[in-house]
Amino acid sequence: MKNIAILVLAAGKSSRMKSIKQLEKINNTPLIEITLEKIQAIFTDHIFCVLGANAAIVKQGITTKNIQFINNKNFENGLSSSIVAGIDYFREHQLNFDSIFILLADQPAIEVSYLAHMVDLSSMHQGKIIASNYGNKLGVPALFPAIYHSELLLIKGDKGAKEFINLKRKDVVCPTVFTNLTDIDTKEDLNSYIKSISKNNLTT
C-alpha cells in the first residue's frame, strides 16, 4: 500500500445541527467515531483528524486510539480551511505522503469496502485523483496524489475540494461500486438515517 495520509475533516461548528454534530450518536457511537473506526479497518497509522469549533469537547469525546489531531484555527472560513490546515501541518512537520485521503466526519453510511476499493484504485491509477461520484458532481471521499497538494493549498470557501475535483474531471477516476454518500447536516437528517438503519435491521 502506498504511503497515504488520512485526513478526516471535523472542524465545523454544525450550525444547522444546532448541537455538536461530531458527537451526535448513532447506535451509541458518536458520528465522528463511526468514520474513524471505518478508516481504521484499512489503515493503522497516519490517521489525522482536523478539529476546530468545540475542539476540546470533540477531542474529549473521541475514544478511538492512534488518531493524531490537527487544530484548524480558521474553521470559520469553511471546509477548505481544514484541508489547508492539514496540508500545512504535514509540511510544517516534514511529513511526506504519496497521497492524502480526505473524508468527512458526517457520512456514516459509507462502507469500509468502498473506502478500500478507492485505495485499490489509487494504486492502479498512479497520479489520478480518486473521487466519489454524486451523479452530476464529484466529491469526497477522495484521494489526492502528491502532485496536487500544492494546488489544494489555494482552495477557499465551504465547498472543500468539490470544486477543485470537478475542475479536474479529466484527471479523476471514480469507483464503479455503490455506496451511500448521505451526509448528516441536521437533526432531521440524523433521525431519518437512524430510522432507515433500524428499518433495515428489522428486514434482514
N, C-alpha and C. Protein backbone atom coordinates (compact mmCIF):
# COMPACT_ATOMS: atom_id res chain seq x y z
N MET A 1 0.84 -1.19 0.00
CA MET A 1 0.00 0.00 0.00
C MET A 1 0.88 1.25 0.00
N LYS A 2 0.46 2.25 -0.76
CA LYS A 2 1.23 3.49 -0.83
C LYS A 2 1.22 4.21 0.53
N ASN A 3 2.13 5.16 0.64
CA ASN A 3 2.23 5.98 1.84
C ASN A 3 1.12 7.03 1.82
N ILE A 4 0.02 6.75 2.51
CA ILE A 4 -1.18 7.58 2.44
C ILE A 4 -1.49 8.20 3.79
N ALA A 5 -1.80 9.49 3.78
CA ALA A 5 -2.30 10.17 4.99
C ALA A 5 -3.81 10.23 4.92
N ILE A 6 -4.45 9.92 6.02
CA ILE A 6 -5.90 10.03 6.12
C ILE A 6 -6.23 11.35 6.80
N LEU A 7 -7.08 12.15 6.17
CA LEU A 7 -7.45 13.45 6.72
C LEU A 7 -8.97 13.49 6.90
N VAL A 8 -9.40 13.30 8.14
CA VAL A 8 -10.83 13.32 8.45
C VAL A 8 -11.21 14.74 8.89
N LEU A 9 -12.11 15.36 8.17
CA LEU A 9 -12.48 16.75 8.42
C LEU A 9 -13.65 16.83 9.40
N ALA A 10 -13.40 17.46 10.56
CA ALA A 10 -14.43 17.53 11.60
C ALA A 10 -14.35 18.84 12.37
N ALA A 11 -14.07 19.93 11.65
CA ALA A 11 -13.82 21.21 12.32
C ALA A 11 -15.03 22.14 12.35
N GLY A 12 -16.11 21.77 11.67
CA GLY A 12 -17.25 22.66 11.54
C GLY A 12 -17.99 22.93 12.84
N LYS A 13 -18.72 24.05 12.88
CA LYS A 13 -19.46 24.41 14.09
C LYS A 13 -20.89 23.87 14.08
N SER A 14 -21.26 23.14 13.04
CA SER A 14 -22.55 22.44 12.98
C SER A 14 -23.74 23.36 13.23
N SER A 15 -23.75 24.50 12.54
CA SER A 15 -24.81 25.49 12.78
C SER A 15 -26.19 24.95 12.41
N ARG A 16 -26.27 24.10 11.40
CA ARG A 16 -27.57 23.55 11.01
C ARG A 16 -28.05 22.46 11.96
N MET A 17 -27.12 21.77 12.59
CA MET A 17 -27.49 20.72 13.55
C MET A 17 -27.91 21.34 14.88
N LYS A 18 -27.37 22.53 15.18
CA LYS A 18 -27.65 23.23 16.44
C LYS A 18 -27.24 22.41 17.65
N SER A 19 -26.17 21.66 17.47
CA SER A 19 -25.55 20.88 18.54
C SER A 19 -24.15 20.54 18.05
N ILE A 20 -23.38 19.84 18.86
CA ILE A 20 -22.05 19.42 18.41
C ILE A 20 -22.23 18.15 17.58
N LYS A 21 -22.35 18.34 16.28
CA LYS A 21 -22.70 17.24 15.38
C LYS A 21 -21.74 16.07 15.48
N GLN A 22 -20.46 16.37 15.61
CA GLN A 22 -19.46 15.30 15.63
C GLN A 22 -19.73 14.27 16.71
N LEU A 23 -20.40 14.69 17.79
CA LEU A 23 -20.63 13.79 18.93
C LEU A 23 -22.06 13.27 18.99
N GLU A 24 -22.90 13.64 18.03
CA GLU A 24 -24.24 13.04 17.95
C GLU A 24 -24.07 11.54 17.73
N LYS A 25 -24.92 10.75 18.37
CA LYS A 25 -24.70 9.30 18.36
C LYS A 25 -25.66 8.52 17.47
N ILE A 26 -25.12 7.50 16.85
CA ILE A 26 -25.89 6.53 16.09
C ILE A 26 -25.55 5.16 16.67
N ASN A 27 -26.55 4.48 17.20
CA ASN A 27 -26.30 3.21 17.90
C ASN A 27 -25.22 3.36 18.96
N ASN A 28 -25.31 4.46 19.71
CA ASN A 28 -24.42 4.74 20.85
C ASN A 28 -22.98 5.07 20.45
N THR A 29 -22.74 5.27 19.17
CA THR A 29 -21.40 5.63 18.72
C THR A 29 -21.42 7.04 18.13
N PRO A 30 -20.56 7.94 18.60
CA PRO A 30 -20.51 9.29 18.04
C PRO A 30 -20.24 9.26 16.53
N LEU A 31 -20.86 10.18 15.84
CA LEU A 31 -20.75 10.25 14.39
C LEU A 31 -19.29 10.24 13.92
N ILE A 32 -18.46 11.03 14.58
CA ILE A 32 -17.06 11.11 14.16
C ILE A 32 -16.33 9.78 14.35
N GLU A 33 -16.70 9.04 15.38
CA GLU A 33 -16.01 7.77 15.64
C GLU A 33 -16.42 6.69 14.64
N ILE A 34 -17.61 6.81 14.08
CA ILE A 34 -18.02 5.86 13.04
C ILE A 34 -17.06 5.95 11.87
N THR A 35 -16.74 7.17 11.46
CA THR A 35 -15.79 7.37 10.36
C THR A 35 -14.39 6.92 10.75
N LEU A 36 -13.94 7.28 11.94
CA LEU A 36 -12.59 6.92 12.38
C LEU A 36 -12.43 5.40 12.48
N GLU A 37 -13.44 4.73 12.99
CA GLU A 37 -13.36 3.28 13.13
C GLU A 37 -13.35 2.59 11.77
N LYS A 38 -14.11 3.14 10.82
CA LYS A 38 -14.15 2.53 9.49
C LYS A 38 -12.80 2.66 8.79
N ILE A 39 -12.18 3.83 8.88
CA ILE A 39 -10.90 4.00 8.21
C ILE A 39 -9.81 3.20 8.91
N GLN A 40 -9.98 2.97 10.21
CA GLN A 40 -9.00 2.15 10.93
C GLN A 40 -9.11 0.67 10.57
N ALA A 41 -10.19 0.30 9.91
CA ALA A 41 -10.30 -1.08 9.43
C ALA A 41 -9.37 -1.31 8.24
N ILE A 42 -8.87 -0.20 7.66
CA ILE A 42 -7.98 -0.28 6.49
C ILE A 42 -6.58 0.17 6.84
N PHE A 43 -6.49 1.24 7.62
CA PHE A 43 -5.19 1.83 7.96
C PHE A 43 -4.95 1.77 9.47
N THR A 44 -3.70 1.57 9.85
CA THR A 44 -3.36 1.51 11.27
C THR A 44 -2.64 2.77 11.75
N ASP A 45 -2.12 3.55 10.81
CA ASP A 45 -1.43 4.79 11.22
C ASP A 45 -1.64 5.88 10.18
N HIS A 46 -1.04 7.05 10.45
CA HIS A 46 -1.18 8.23 9.59
C HIS A 46 -2.64 8.65 9.44
N ILE A 47 -3.40 8.51 10.53
CA ILE A 47 -4.80 8.96 10.54
C ILE A 47 -4.86 10.28 11.31
N PHE A 48 -5.26 11.33 10.61
CA PHE A 48 -5.31 12.67 11.19
C PHE A 48 -6.76 13.16 11.18
N CYS A 49 -7.14 13.83 12.26
CA CYS A 49 -8.48 14.37 12.38
C CYS A 49 -8.37 15.88 12.59
N VAL A 50 -8.99 16.66 11.70
CA VAL A 50 -8.93 18.12 11.80
C VAL A 50 -10.10 18.62 12.63
N LEU A 51 -9.79 19.28 13.74
CA LEU A 51 -10.82 19.83 14.63
C LEU A 51 -10.74 21.35 14.61
N GLY A 52 -11.85 21.98 14.98
CA GLY A 52 -11.88 23.44 15.01
C GLY A 52 -12.87 23.92 16.05
N ALA A 53 -14.13 24.10 15.66
CA ALA A 53 -15.17 24.50 16.61
C ALA A 53 -15.33 23.42 17.68
N ASN A 54 -15.42 23.84 18.93
CA ASN A 54 -15.61 22.90 20.05
C ASN A 54 -14.53 21.81 20.08
N ALA A 55 -13.32 22.16 19.65
CA ALA A 55 -12.26 21.17 19.50
C ALA A 55 -11.99 20.38 20.77
N ALA A 56 -11.90 21.05 21.91
CA ALA A 56 -11.59 20.36 23.16
C ALA A 56 -12.68 19.37 23.54
N ILE A 57 -13.94 19.77 23.35
CA ILE A 57 -15.07 18.90 23.70
C ILE A 57 -15.12 17.70 22.77
N VAL A 58 -14.93 17.95 21.47
CA VAL A 58 -14.96 16.85 20.50
C VAL A 58 -13.83 15.88 20.77
N LYS A 59 -12.64 16.39 20.99
CA LYS A 59 -11.48 15.53 21.25
C LYS A 59 -11.70 14.67 22.49
N GLN A 60 -12.30 15.26 23.51
CA GLN A 60 -12.57 14.52 24.74
C GLN A 60 -13.58 13.40 24.51
N GLY A 61 -14.46 13.60 23.52
CA GLY A 61 -15.50 12.60 23.24
C GLY A 61 -15.05 11.48 22.33
N ILE A 62 -13.80 11.56 21.84
CA ILE A 62 -13.28 10.53 20.93
C ILE A 62 -12.46 9.50 21.72
N THR A 63 -12.85 8.25 21.65
CA THR A 63 -12.12 7.19 22.35
C THR A 63 -11.27 6.35 21.40
N THR A 64 -11.47 6.53 20.09
CA THR A 64 -10.67 5.79 19.11
C THR A 64 -9.19 6.12 19.30
N LYS A 65 -8.36 5.09 19.36
CA LYS A 65 -6.93 5.27 19.62
C LYS A 65 -6.14 5.50 18.33
N ASN A 66 -4.92 5.97 18.51
CA ASN A 66 -3.96 6.15 17.42
C ASN A 66 -4.44 7.16 16.38
N ILE A 67 -5.11 8.21 16.85
CA ILE A 67 -5.54 9.30 15.98
C ILE A 67 -4.71 10.54 16.32
N GLN A 68 -4.20 11.21 15.30
CA GLN A 68 -3.46 12.45 15.51
C GLN A 68 -4.38 13.63 15.16
N PHE A 69 -4.38 14.64 16.01
CA PHE A 69 -5.30 15.76 15.84
C PHE A 69 -4.58 17.00 15.30
N ILE A 70 -5.27 17.68 14.41
CA ILE A 70 -4.78 18.93 13.83
C ILE A 70 -5.80 20.01 14.16
N ASN A 71 -5.33 21.13 14.68
CA ASN A 71 -6.23 22.22 15.03
C ASN A 71 -6.34 23.23 13.89
N ASN A 72 -7.56 23.43 13.41
CA ASN A 72 -7.81 24.42 12.37
C ASN A 72 -8.34 25.70 13.02
N LYS A 73 -7.47 26.66 13.20
CA LYS A 73 -7.86 27.91 13.83
C LYS A 73 -8.76 28.75 12.92
N ASN A 74 -8.74 28.43 11.64
CA ASN A 74 -9.52 29.20 10.66
C ASN A 74 -10.79 28.48 10.23
N PHE A 75 -11.35 27.65 11.09
CA PHE A 75 -12.51 26.84 10.71
C PHE A 75 -13.70 27.67 10.24
N GLU A 76 -13.78 28.93 10.69
CA GLU A 76 -14.88 29.80 10.27
C GLU A 76 -14.84 30.07 8.77
N ASN A 77 -13.70 29.82 8.14
CA ASN A 77 -13.54 30.08 6.70
C ASN A 77 -14.01 28.92 5.84
N GLY A 78 -14.61 27.92 6.46
CA GLY A 78 -15.21 26.83 5.68
C GLY A 78 -14.36 25.58 5.58
N LEU A 79 -14.94 24.61 4.89
CA LEU A 79 -14.35 23.28 4.78
C LEU A 79 -12.95 23.31 4.17
N SER A 80 -12.76 24.18 3.20
CA SER A 80 -11.46 24.26 2.53
C SER A 80 -10.33 24.56 3.52
N SER A 81 -10.64 25.35 4.54
CA SER A 81 -9.61 25.73 5.51
C SER A 81 -9.09 24.52 6.27
N SER A 82 -9.91 23.50 6.43
CA SER A 82 -9.48 22.29 7.13
C SER A 82 -8.50 21.48 6.28
N ILE A 83 -8.73 21.46 4.97
CA ILE A 83 -7.81 20.79 4.06
C ILE A 83 -6.47 21.51 4.06
N VAL A 84 -6.53 22.83 3.99
CA VAL A 84 -5.31 23.64 4.02
C VAL A 84 -4.57 23.44 5.33
N ALA A 85 -5.32 23.41 6.44
CA ALA A 85 -4.70 23.20 7.76
C ALA A 85 -3.97 21.86 7.81
N GLY A 86 -4.57 20.84 7.22
CA GLY A 86 -3.95 19.52 7.20
C GLY A 86 -2.66 19.50 6.41
N ILE A 87 -2.70 20.06 5.21
CA ILE A 87 -1.51 20.06 4.36
C ILE A 87 -0.41 20.93 4.98
N ASP A 88 -0.81 22.07 5.55
CA ASP A 88 0.18 22.93 6.23
C ASP A 88 0.85 22.17 7.38
N TYR A 89 0.06 21.40 8.11
CA TYR A 89 0.59 20.61 9.24
C TYR A 89 1.61 19.59 8.74
N PHE A 90 1.28 18.92 7.65
CA PHE A 90 2.22 17.93 7.10
C PHE A 90 3.53 18.59 6.70
N ARG A 91 3.44 19.73 6.08
CA ARG A 91 4.65 20.42 5.62
C ARG A 91 5.46 20.94 6.81
N GLU A 92 4.77 21.48 7.79
CA GLU A 92 5.45 22.02 8.97
C GLU A 92 6.22 20.93 9.70
N HIS A 93 5.65 19.72 9.71
CA HIS A 93 6.28 18.60 10.41
C HIS A 93 7.08 17.69 9.47
N GLN A 94 7.27 18.17 8.23
CA GLN A 94 8.06 17.45 7.23
C GLN A 94 7.56 16.02 7.03
N LEU A 95 6.25 15.90 6.92
CA LEU A 95 5.61 14.61 6.66
C LEU A 95 5.27 14.54 5.18
N ASN A 96 5.87 13.61 4.49
CA ASN A 96 5.67 13.48 3.05
C ASN A 96 4.84 12.24 2.74
N PHE A 97 3.76 12.44 2.01
CA PHE A 97 2.86 11.34 1.68
C PHE A 97 2.65 11.27 0.17
N ASP A 98 2.48 10.04 -0.32
CA ASP A 98 2.20 9.85 -1.75
C ASP A 98 0.81 10.37 -2.10
N SER A 99 -0.12 10.22 -1.15
CA SER A 99 -1.50 10.66 -1.36
C SER A 99 -2.12 11.10 -0.04
N ILE A 100 -3.13 11.94 -0.14
CA ILE A 100 -3.94 12.31 1.02
C ILE A 100 -5.36 11.85 0.74
N PHE A 101 -5.91 11.08 1.67
CA PHE A 101 -7.26 10.55 1.55
C PHE A 101 -8.16 11.41 2.43
N ILE A 102 -9.01 12.22 1.80
CA ILE A 102 -9.86 13.15 2.54
C ILE A 102 -11.26 12.58 2.72
N LEU A 103 -11.70 12.56 3.98
CA LEU A 103 -13.04 12.07 4.32
C LEU A 103 -13.74 13.11 5.20
N LEU A 104 -15.06 13.06 5.20
CA LEU A 104 -15.86 13.90 6.08
C LEU A 104 -16.29 13.07 7.29
N ALA A 105 -16.50 13.74 8.40
CA ALA A 105 -16.88 13.03 9.63
C ALA A 105 -18.38 12.77 9.72
N ASP A 106 -19.14 13.21 8.71
CA ASP A 106 -20.60 13.11 8.82
C ASP A 106 -21.24 12.26 7.72
N GLN A 107 -20.51 11.24 7.24
CA GLN A 107 -21.06 10.34 6.23
C GLN A 107 -21.01 8.90 6.76
N PRO A 108 -21.89 8.57 7.70
CA PRO A 108 -21.80 7.30 8.41
C PRO A 108 -22.18 6.06 7.60
N ALA A 109 -22.82 6.25 6.45
CA ALA A 109 -23.29 5.08 5.69
C ALA A 109 -22.26 4.51 4.74
N ILE A 110 -21.16 5.24 4.53
CA ILE A 110 -20.13 4.74 3.61
C ILE A 110 -19.53 3.45 4.15
N GLU A 111 -19.43 2.46 3.28
CA GLU A 111 -18.95 1.14 3.70
C GLU A 111 -17.42 1.06 3.64
N VAL A 112 -16.87 0.25 4.52
CA VAL A 112 -15.42 0.03 4.55
C VAL A 112 -14.94 -0.50 3.21
N SER A 113 -15.72 -1.39 2.60
CA SER A 113 -15.33 -1.99 1.31
C SER A 113 -15.20 -0.92 0.22
N TYR A 114 -16.03 0.12 0.29
CA TYR A 114 -15.96 1.21 -0.68
C TYR A 114 -14.66 1.99 -0.51
N LEU A 115 -14.32 2.30 0.74
CA LEU A 115 -13.08 3.03 1.02
C LEU A 115 -11.87 2.21 0.60
N ALA A 116 -11.91 0.91 0.86
CA ALA A 116 -10.80 0.03 0.46
C ALA A 116 -10.68 -0.01 -1.06
N HIS A 117 -11.81 -0.01 -1.74
CA HIS A 117 -11.80 -0.01 -3.21
C HIS A 117 -11.16 1.26 -3.75
N MET A 118 -11.42 2.40 -3.11
CA MET A 118 -10.81 3.65 -3.53
C MET A 118 -9.29 3.59 -3.39
N VAL A 119 -8.83 2.99 -2.31
CA VAL A 119 -7.38 2.84 -2.10
C VAL A 119 -6.78 1.95 -3.19
N ASP A 120 -7.48 0.88 -3.55
CA ASP A 120 -7.01 0.00 -4.62
C ASP A 120 -6.93 0.75 -5.95
N LEU A 121 -7.95 1.57 -6.23
CA LEU A 121 -7.96 2.35 -7.46
C LEU A 121 -6.78 3.32 -7.50
N SER A 122 -6.43 3.88 -6.34
CA SER A 122 -5.31 4.80 -6.26
C SER A 122 -4.00 4.10 -6.64
N SER A 123 -3.87 2.85 -6.25
CA SER A 123 -2.67 2.08 -6.60
C SER A 123 -2.64 1.74 -8.09
N MET A 124 -3.83 1.51 -8.65
CA MET A 124 -3.95 1.13 -10.06
C MET A 124 -3.79 2.32 -10.99
N HIS A 125 -4.17 3.51 -10.52
CA HIS A 125 -4.16 4.70 -11.37
C HIS A 125 -3.24 5.75 -10.75
N GLN A 126 -1.96 5.54 -10.89
CA GLN A 126 -0.98 6.44 -10.31
C GLN A 126 -1.15 7.85 -10.88
N GLY A 127 -1.13 8.86 -10.01
CA GLY A 127 -1.23 10.23 -10.47
C GLY A 127 -2.63 10.74 -10.70
N LYS A 128 -3.62 9.87 -10.58
CA LYS A 128 -5.01 10.27 -10.77
C LYS A 128 -5.67 10.57 -9.42
N ILE A 129 -6.61 11.52 -9.44
CA ILE A 129 -7.46 11.76 -8.27
C ILE A 129 -8.53 10.68 -8.25
N ILE A 130 -8.73 10.07 -7.12
CA ILE A 130 -9.81 9.08 -6.98
C ILE A 130 -10.92 9.75 -6.18
N ALA A 131 -12.07 9.98 -6.82
CA ALA A 131 -13.14 10.74 -6.18
C ALA A 131 -14.47 10.01 -6.25
N SER A 132 -15.38 10.41 -5.39
CA SER A 132 -16.71 9.80 -5.33
C SER A 132 -17.65 10.50 -6.31
N ASN A 133 -18.52 9.69 -6.91
CA ASN A 133 -19.45 10.19 -7.92
C ASN A 133 -20.83 10.40 -7.30
N TYR A 134 -21.26 11.68 -7.25
CA TYR A 134 -22.56 12.02 -6.70
C TYR A 134 -23.62 12.16 -7.80
N GLY A 135 -23.31 11.71 -9.01
CA GLY A 135 -24.24 11.84 -10.12
C GLY A 135 -23.84 12.99 -11.01
N ASN A 136 -24.31 14.20 -10.68
CA ASN A 136 -23.96 15.36 -11.50
C ASN A 136 -22.68 16.05 -11.03
N LYS A 137 -22.18 15.64 -9.88
CA LYS A 137 -20.97 16.23 -9.33
C LYS A 137 -20.07 15.15 -8.73
N LEU A 138 -18.79 15.48 -8.63
CA LEU A 138 -17.82 14.61 -7.96
C LEU A 138 -17.45 15.23 -6.63
N GLY A 139 -17.04 14.40 -5.68
CA GLY A 139 -16.69 14.94 -4.37
C GLY A 139 -15.92 13.96 -3.52
N VAL A 140 -15.90 14.23 -2.23
CA VAL A 140 -15.20 13.35 -1.29
C VAL A 140 -16.17 12.31 -0.75
N PRO A 141 -15.62 11.20 -0.25
CA PRO A 141 -14.22 10.85 -0.05
C PRO A 141 -13.44 10.89 -1.36
N ALA A 142 -12.19 11.31 -1.23
CA ALA A 142 -11.33 11.39 -2.41
C ALA A 142 -9.87 11.28 -2.00
N LEU A 143 -9.08 10.68 -2.89
CA LEU A 143 -7.63 10.59 -2.69
C LEU A 143 -6.93 11.51 -3.68
N PHE A 144 -5.99 12.28 -3.16
CA PHE A 144 -5.25 13.24 -3.97
C PHE A 144 -3.76 12.89 -3.96
N PRO A 145 -3.21 12.54 -5.12
CA PRO A 145 -1.77 12.28 -5.20
C PRO A 145 -0.97 13.54 -4.86
N ALA A 146 0.28 13.36 -4.53
CA ALA A 146 1.15 14.45 -4.07
C ALA A 146 1.25 15.60 -5.07
N ILE A 147 1.10 15.32 -6.36
CA ILE A 147 1.25 16.37 -7.37
C ILE A 147 0.17 17.45 -7.24
N TYR A 148 -0.91 17.16 -6.50
CA TYR A 148 -2.00 18.13 -6.35
C TYR A 148 -1.98 18.85 -4.99
N HIS A 149 -1.10 18.47 -4.10
CA HIS A 149 -1.16 19.01 -2.74
C HIS A 149 -0.89 20.51 -2.69
N SER A 150 0.03 21.00 -3.50
CA SER A 150 0.30 22.44 -3.52
C SER A 150 -0.91 23.22 -4.03
N GLU A 151 -1.60 22.68 -5.03
CA GLU A 151 -2.79 23.34 -5.56
C GLU A 151 -3.92 23.34 -4.54
N LEU A 152 -4.02 22.30 -3.75
CA LEU A 152 -5.07 22.24 -2.74
C LEU A 152 -4.91 23.34 -1.69
N LEU A 153 -3.70 23.82 -1.51
CA LEU A 153 -3.46 24.90 -0.55
C LEU A 153 -4.14 26.21 -0.98
N LEU A 154 -4.56 26.29 -2.23
CA LEU A 154 -5.14 27.52 -2.77
C LEU A 154 -6.66 27.53 -2.73
N ILE A 155 -7.29 26.40 -2.36
CA ILE A 155 -8.75 26.37 -2.38
C ILE A 155 -9.31 27.20 -1.23
N LYS A 156 -10.53 27.71 -1.45
CA LYS A 156 -11.17 28.56 -0.45
C LYS A 156 -12.65 28.23 -0.35
N GLY A 157 -13.25 28.69 0.76
CA GLY A 157 -14.70 28.57 0.91
C GLY A 157 -15.17 27.28 1.56
N ASP A 158 -16.49 27.09 1.53
CA ASP A 158 -17.10 25.98 2.25
C ASP A 158 -17.42 24.78 1.37
N LYS A 159 -16.94 24.78 0.14
CA LYS A 159 -17.20 23.63 -0.73
C LYS A 159 -16.04 22.64 -0.71
N GLY A 160 -15.07 22.91 0.13
CA GLY A 160 -13.97 21.97 0.29
C GLY A 160 -13.25 21.72 -1.02
N ALA A 161 -13.04 20.44 -1.30
CA ALA A 161 -12.30 20.07 -2.51
C ALA A 161 -13.23 19.82 -3.70
N LYS A 162 -14.53 19.99 -3.50
CA LYS A 162 -15.50 19.65 -4.55
C LYS A 162 -15.24 20.40 -5.85
N GLU A 163 -15.11 21.72 -5.78
CA GLU A 163 -14.88 22.50 -7.00
C GLU A 163 -13.55 22.12 -7.64
N PHE A 164 -12.54 21.90 -6.82
CA PHE A 164 -11.21 21.51 -7.31
C PHE A 164 -11.32 20.22 -8.12
N ILE A 165 -12.02 19.23 -7.56
CA ILE A 165 -12.17 17.93 -8.23
C ILE A 165 -12.91 18.09 -9.56
N ASN A 166 -13.99 18.86 -9.55
CA ASN A 166 -14.80 18.99 -10.75
C ASN A 166 -14.11 19.78 -11.86
N LEU A 167 -13.17 20.63 -11.49
CA LEU A 167 -12.39 21.34 -12.49
C LEU A 167 -11.34 20.44 -13.14
N LYS A 168 -11.07 19.31 -12.50
CA LYS A 168 -10.03 18.39 -13.00
C LYS A 168 -10.62 17.03 -13.37
N ARG A 169 -11.83 17.03 -13.89
CA ARG A 169 -12.52 15.78 -14.21
C ARG A 169 -11.70 14.83 -15.07
N LYS A 170 -10.92 15.40 -15.99
CA LYS A 170 -10.13 14.53 -16.89
C LYS A 170 -9.03 13.78 -16.13
N ASP A 171 -8.74 14.24 -14.93
CA ASP A 171 -7.70 13.59 -14.11
C ASP A 171 -8.30 12.76 -12.98
N VAL A 172 -9.61 12.49 -13.06
CA VAL A 172 -10.30 11.80 -11.98
C VAL A 172 -10.77 10.42 -12.40
N VAL A 173 -10.61 9.47 -11.48
CA VAL A 173 -11.17 8.13 -11.64
C VAL A 173 -12.15 7.91 -10.49
N CYS A 174 -13.35 7.40 -10.81
CA CYS A 174 -14.37 7.17 -9.78
C CYS A 174 -14.63 5.68 -9.59
N PRO A 175 -14.93 5.27 -8.38
CA PRO A 175 -15.33 3.89 -8.14
C PRO A 175 -16.60 3.57 -8.91
N THR A 176 -16.70 2.35 -9.38
CA THR A 176 -17.94 1.93 -10.05
C THR A 176 -18.86 1.21 -9.07
N VAL A 177 -18.36 0.90 -7.90
CA VAL A 177 -19.21 0.26 -6.89
C VAL A 177 -20.04 1.31 -6.17
N PHE A 178 -21.18 0.90 -5.64
CA PHE A 178 -22.10 1.84 -4.99
C PHE A 178 -21.85 1.90 -3.49
N THR A 179 -22.04 3.10 -2.95
CA THR A 179 -22.12 3.25 -1.50
C THR A 179 -23.07 4.40 -1.21
N ASN A 180 -23.54 4.48 0.00
CA ASN A 180 -24.47 5.54 0.41
C ASN A 180 -23.65 6.74 0.88
N LEU A 181 -23.68 7.82 0.10
CA LEU A 181 -22.87 9.00 0.39
C LEU A 181 -23.64 10.07 1.18
N THR A 182 -24.77 9.69 1.75
CA THR A 182 -25.57 10.63 2.53
C THR A 182 -24.74 11.28 3.64
N ASP A 183 -24.86 12.60 3.75
CA ASP A 183 -24.20 13.28 4.86
C ASP A 183 -25.26 13.81 5.83
N ILE A 184 -24.86 13.88 7.08
CA ILE A 184 -25.77 14.27 8.15
C ILE A 184 -25.51 15.73 8.51
N ASP A 185 -26.47 16.60 8.20
CA ASP A 185 -26.29 18.03 8.48
C ASP A 185 -27.25 18.57 9.52
N THR A 186 -28.44 17.96 9.63
CA THR A 186 -29.48 18.47 10.52
C THR A 186 -30.01 17.35 11.42
N LYS A 187 -30.79 17.74 12.42
CA LYS A 187 -31.43 16.74 13.29
C LYS A 187 -32.34 15.84 12.46
N GLU A 188 -33.00 16.45 11.46
CA GLU A 188 -33.89 15.67 10.59
C GLU A 188 -33.11 14.62 9.81
N ASP A 189 -31.94 15.02 9.30
CA ASP A 189 -31.08 14.06 8.60
C ASP A 189 -30.69 12.90 9.52
N LEU A 190 -30.32 13.25 10.73
CA LEU A 190 -29.88 12.26 11.70
C LEU A 190 -31.00 11.29 12.04
N ASN A 191 -32.18 11.84 12.36
CA ASN A 191 -33.32 10.99 12.73
C ASN A 191 -33.76 10.11 11.57
N SER A 192 -33.72 10.67 10.37
CA SER A 192 -34.10 9.91 9.19
C SER A 192 -33.14 8.75 8.95
N TYR A 193 -31.84 9.02 9.13
CA TYR A 193 -30.85 7.96 8.94
C TYR A 193 -31.00 6.87 9.99
N ILE A 194 -31.20 7.25 11.23
CA ILE A 194 -31.38 6.28 12.31
C ILE A 194 -32.60 5.41 12.04
N LYS A 195 -33.68 6.01 11.56
CA LYS A 195 -34.89 5.26 11.23
C LYS A 195 -34.63 4.28 10.08
N SER A 196 -33.84 4.73 9.09
CA SER A 196 -33.57 3.87 7.93
C SER A 196 -32.76 2.64 8.31
N ILE A 197 -31.76 2.82 9.19
CA ILE A 197 -30.96 1.65 9.56
C ILE A 197 -31.74 0.74 10.50
N SER A 198 -32.62 1.31 11.30
CA SER A 198 -33.48 0.49 12.17
C SER A 198 -34.42 -0.35 11.33
N LYS A 199 -34.97 0.26 10.28
CA LYS A 199 -35.87 -0.47 9.37
C LYS A 199 -35.14 -1.57 8.65
N ASN A 200 -33.92 -1.28 8.20
CA ASN A 200 -33.12 -2.30 7.50
C ASN A 200 -32.79 -3.47 8.41
N ASN A 201 -32.52 -3.17 9.68
CA ASN A 201 -32.21 -4.24 10.64
C ASN A 201 -33.40 -5.14 10.89
N LEU A 202 -34.59 -4.57 10.81
CA LEU A 202 -35.81 -5.34 11.02
C LEU A 202 -36.13 -6.26 9.84
N THR A 203 -35.66 -5.84 8.65
CA THR A 203 -35.99 -6.61 7.44
C THR A 203 -34.89 -7.59 7.04
N THR A 204 -33.78 -7.60 7.81
CA THR A 204 -32.69 -8.53 7.47
C THR A 204 -32.59 -9.64 8.50
